[in-house]
Amino acid sequence: LQESGSAGNIKPSGGQDPSKKDVPAEDIDIDMGAPETEKAAVAIQSQFRKFQKKKQAVKS
């Protein structure tokens, strides 16, 4: 992910890049019960929460 401070970089609603609209979605098989998957999810959530706190601090 890239952070941008510029107001000119507005993404279209829906969060999808319109240039990638016709690309078929890959079917990815993820074992949701695997310990590695849980560790990865916790790490991602932790980083996201830090990002959200930093984002809120910048607005204040």
N, C-alpha and C. Protein backbone atom coordinates (compact mmCIF):
# COMPACT_ATOMS: atom_id res chain seq x y z
N LEU A 1 0.83 -1.19 0.00
CA LEU A 1 0.00 0.00 0.00
C LEU A 1 0.86 1.24 0.00
N GLN A 2 0.43 2.23 -0.73
CA GLN A 2 1.17 3.47 -0.77
C GLN A 2 0.31 4.56 -0.14
N GLU A 3 0.94 5.38 0.68
CA GLU A 3 0.24 6.50 1.27
C GLU A 3 0.42 7.70 0.36
N SER A 4 -0.63 8.50 0.25
CA SER A 4 -0.54 9.67 -0.59
C SER A 4 -1.15 10.84 0.15
N GLY A 5 -0.42 11.91 0.26
CA GLY A 5 -0.93 13.10 0.91
C GLY A 5 -1.64 14.02 -0.06
N SER A 6 -1.61 13.67 -1.34
CA SER A 6 -2.19 14.52 -2.36
C SER A 6 -3.69 14.27 -2.49
N ALA A 7 -4.47 15.34 -2.53
CA ALA A 7 -5.91 15.22 -2.68
C ALA A 7 -6.28 14.87 -4.11
N GLY A 8 -5.35 14.96 -5.04
CA GLY A 8 -5.62 14.67 -6.44
C GLY A 8 -5.70 13.20 -6.75
N ASN A 9 -5.24 12.35 -5.83
CA ASN A 9 -5.28 10.91 -6.06
C ASN A 9 -6.53 10.32 -5.44
N ILE A 10 -7.65 10.52 -6.08
CA ILE A 10 -8.92 10.01 -5.57
C ILE A 10 -9.24 8.73 -6.31
N LYS A 11 -9.46 7.65 -5.56
CA LYS A 11 -9.76 6.37 -6.17
C LYS A 11 -11.26 6.25 -6.41
N PRO A 12 -11.66 5.51 -7.43
CA PRO A 12 -13.09 5.33 -7.68
C PRO A 12 -13.73 4.54 -6.55
N SER A 13 -15.01 4.77 -6.32
CA SER A 13 -15.70 4.06 -5.25
C SER A 13 -15.75 2.58 -5.57
N GLY A 14 -15.78 1.76 -4.54
CA GLY A 14 -15.77 0.32 -4.73
C GLY A 14 -14.39 -0.27 -4.49
N GLY A 15 -13.36 0.56 -4.49
CA GLY A 15 -12.02 0.09 -4.19
C GLY A 15 -11.36 -0.72 -5.28
N GLN A 16 -11.98 -0.84 -6.44
CA GLN A 16 -11.41 -1.60 -7.54
C GLN A 16 -10.77 -0.68 -8.56
N ASP A 17 -9.64 -1.12 -9.10
CA ASP A 17 -8.97 -0.38 -10.15
C ASP A 17 -9.70 -0.67 -11.47
N PRO A 18 -10.26 0.35 -12.10
CA PRO A 18 -11.05 0.10 -13.31
C PRO A 18 -10.25 -0.55 -14.44
N SER A 19 -8.93 -0.38 -14.47
CA SER A 19 -8.13 -1.00 -15.52
C SER A 19 -8.01 -2.51 -15.34
N LYS A 20 -8.37 -3.02 -14.18
CA LYS A 20 -8.27 -4.45 -13.90
C LYS A 20 -9.63 -5.13 -13.89
N LYS A 21 -10.62 -4.48 -14.44
CA LYS A 21 -11.99 -4.97 -14.38
C LYS A 21 -12.18 -6.29 -15.12
N ASP A 22 -11.50 -6.50 -16.25
CA ASP A 22 -11.72 -7.68 -17.07
C ASP A 22 -10.79 -8.84 -16.74
N VAL A 23 -9.98 -8.71 -15.70
CA VAL A 23 -9.07 -9.77 -15.32
C VAL A 23 -9.84 -10.80 -14.50
N PRO A 24 -9.79 -12.10 -14.90
CA PRO A 24 -10.52 -13.11 -14.12
C PRO A 24 -9.91 -13.28 -12.73
N ALA A 25 -10.76 -13.48 -11.75
CA ALA A 25 -10.30 -13.65 -10.37
C ALA A 25 -9.68 -15.04 -10.20
N GLU A 26 -8.58 -15.08 -9.46
CA GLU A 26 -7.96 -16.37 -9.17
C GLU A 26 -8.70 -17.02 -8.01
N ASP A 27 -8.82 -18.31 -8.07
CA ASP A 27 -9.46 -19.06 -6.98
C ASP A 27 -8.34 -19.55 -6.07
N ILE A 28 -8.21 -18.92 -4.90
CA ILE A 28 -7.13 -19.24 -3.99
C ILE A 28 -7.68 -20.05 -2.82
N ASP A 29 -7.05 -21.18 -2.56
CA ASP A 29 -7.48 -22.05 -1.47
C ASP A 29 -6.62 -21.77 -0.25
N ILE A 30 -7.24 -21.21 0.79
CA ILE A 30 -6.52 -20.89 2.02
C ILE A 30 -7.12 -21.71 3.15
N ASP A 31 -6.27 -22.41 3.88
CA ASP A 31 -6.72 -23.21 5.02
C ASP A 31 -6.92 -22.26 6.20
N MET A 32 -8.18 -21.92 6.47
CA MET A 32 -8.49 -20.95 7.51
C MET A 32 -8.24 -21.51 8.92
N GLY A 33 -8.04 -22.79 9.05
CA GLY A 33 -7.78 -23.39 10.36
C GLY A 33 -6.30 -23.55 10.67
N ALA A 34 -5.46 -23.25 9.70
CA ALA A 34 -4.01 -23.44 9.89
C ALA A 34 -3.45 -22.39 10.85
N PRO A 35 -2.55 -22.80 11.75
CA PRO A 35 -1.96 -21.84 12.69
C PRO A 35 -1.21 -20.71 11.99
N GLU A 36 -0.59 -21.00 10.84
CA GLU A 36 0.13 -19.95 10.11
C GLU A 36 -0.83 -18.88 9.61
N THR A 37 -2.01 -19.32 9.19
CA THR A 37 -3.03 -18.38 8.70
C THR A 37 -3.49 -17.47 9.82
N GLU A 38 -3.70 -18.04 11.00
CA GLU A 38 -4.12 -17.25 12.15
C GLU A 38 -3.04 -16.24 12.54
N LYS A 39 -1.79 -16.66 12.54
CA LYS A 39 -0.69 -15.75 12.88
C LYS A 39 -0.61 -14.61 11.87
N ALA A 40 -0.78 -14.94 10.60
CA ALA A 40 -0.73 -13.91 9.56
C ALA A 40 -1.89 -12.93 9.73
N ALA A 41 -3.08 -13.43 10.03
CA ALA A 41 -4.24 -12.56 10.22
C ALA A 41 -4.04 -11.62 11.40
N VAL A 42 -3.49 -12.12 12.49
CA VAL A 42 -3.24 -11.29 13.67
C VAL A 42 -2.22 -10.20 13.34
N ALA A 43 -1.17 -10.57 12.60
CA ALA A 43 -0.14 -9.59 12.23
C ALA A 43 -0.72 -8.51 11.33
N ILE A 44 -1.56 -8.90 10.36
CA ILE A 44 -2.17 -7.92 9.46
C ILE A 44 -3.11 -7.00 10.24
N GLN A 45 -3.91 -7.56 11.11
CA GLN A 45 -4.83 -6.74 11.91
C GLN A 45 -4.08 -5.77 12.79
N SER A 46 -2.97 -6.22 13.37
CA SER A 46 -2.16 -5.36 14.23
C SER A 46 -1.63 -4.16 13.45
N GLN A 47 -1.09 -4.42 12.26
CA GLN A 47 -0.56 -3.33 11.43
C GLN A 47 -1.67 -2.39 11.00
N PHE A 48 -2.85 -2.93 10.69
CA PHE A 48 -3.98 -2.10 10.28
C PHE A 48 -4.42 -1.19 11.43
N ARG A 49 -4.47 -1.74 12.64
CA ARG A 49 -4.86 -0.92 13.80
C ARG A 49 -3.85 0.21 14.04
N LYS A 50 -2.56 -0.10 13.89
CA LYS A 50 -1.52 0.94 14.03
C LYS A 50 -1.71 2.02 12.97
N PHE A 51 -2.01 1.61 11.76
CA PHE A 51 -2.25 2.55 10.67
C PHE A 51 -3.45 3.44 10.98
N GLN A 52 -4.53 2.84 11.49
CA GLN A 52 -5.74 3.60 11.82
C GLN A 52 -5.46 4.61 12.94
N LYS A 53 -4.69 4.19 13.95
CA LYS A 53 -4.35 5.12 15.05
C LYS A 53 -3.52 6.28 14.52
N LYS A 54 -2.56 5.97 13.65
CA LYS A 54 -1.71 7.02 13.08
C LYS A 54 -2.55 7.96 12.23
N LYS A 55 -3.49 7.42 11.48
CA LYS A 55 -4.37 8.21 10.63
C LYS A 55 -5.24 9.15 11.48
N GLN A 56 -5.75 8.64 12.60
CA GLN A 56 -6.56 9.46 13.50
C GLN A 56 -5.72 10.55 14.14
N ALA A 57 -4.48 10.25 14.48
CA ALA A 57 -3.59 11.23 15.11
C ALA A 57 -3.27 12.36 14.14
N VAL A 58 -3.16 12.07 12.87
CA VAL A 58 -2.86 13.08 11.87
C VAL A 58 -4.05 14.03 11.70
N LYS A 59 -5.27 13.51 11.77
CA LYS A 59 -6.48 14.32 11.62
C LYS A 59 -6.66 15.27 12.80
N SER A 60 -6.24 14.85 13.98
CA SER A 60 -6.44 15.64 15.21
C SER A 60 -5.55 16.87 15.25
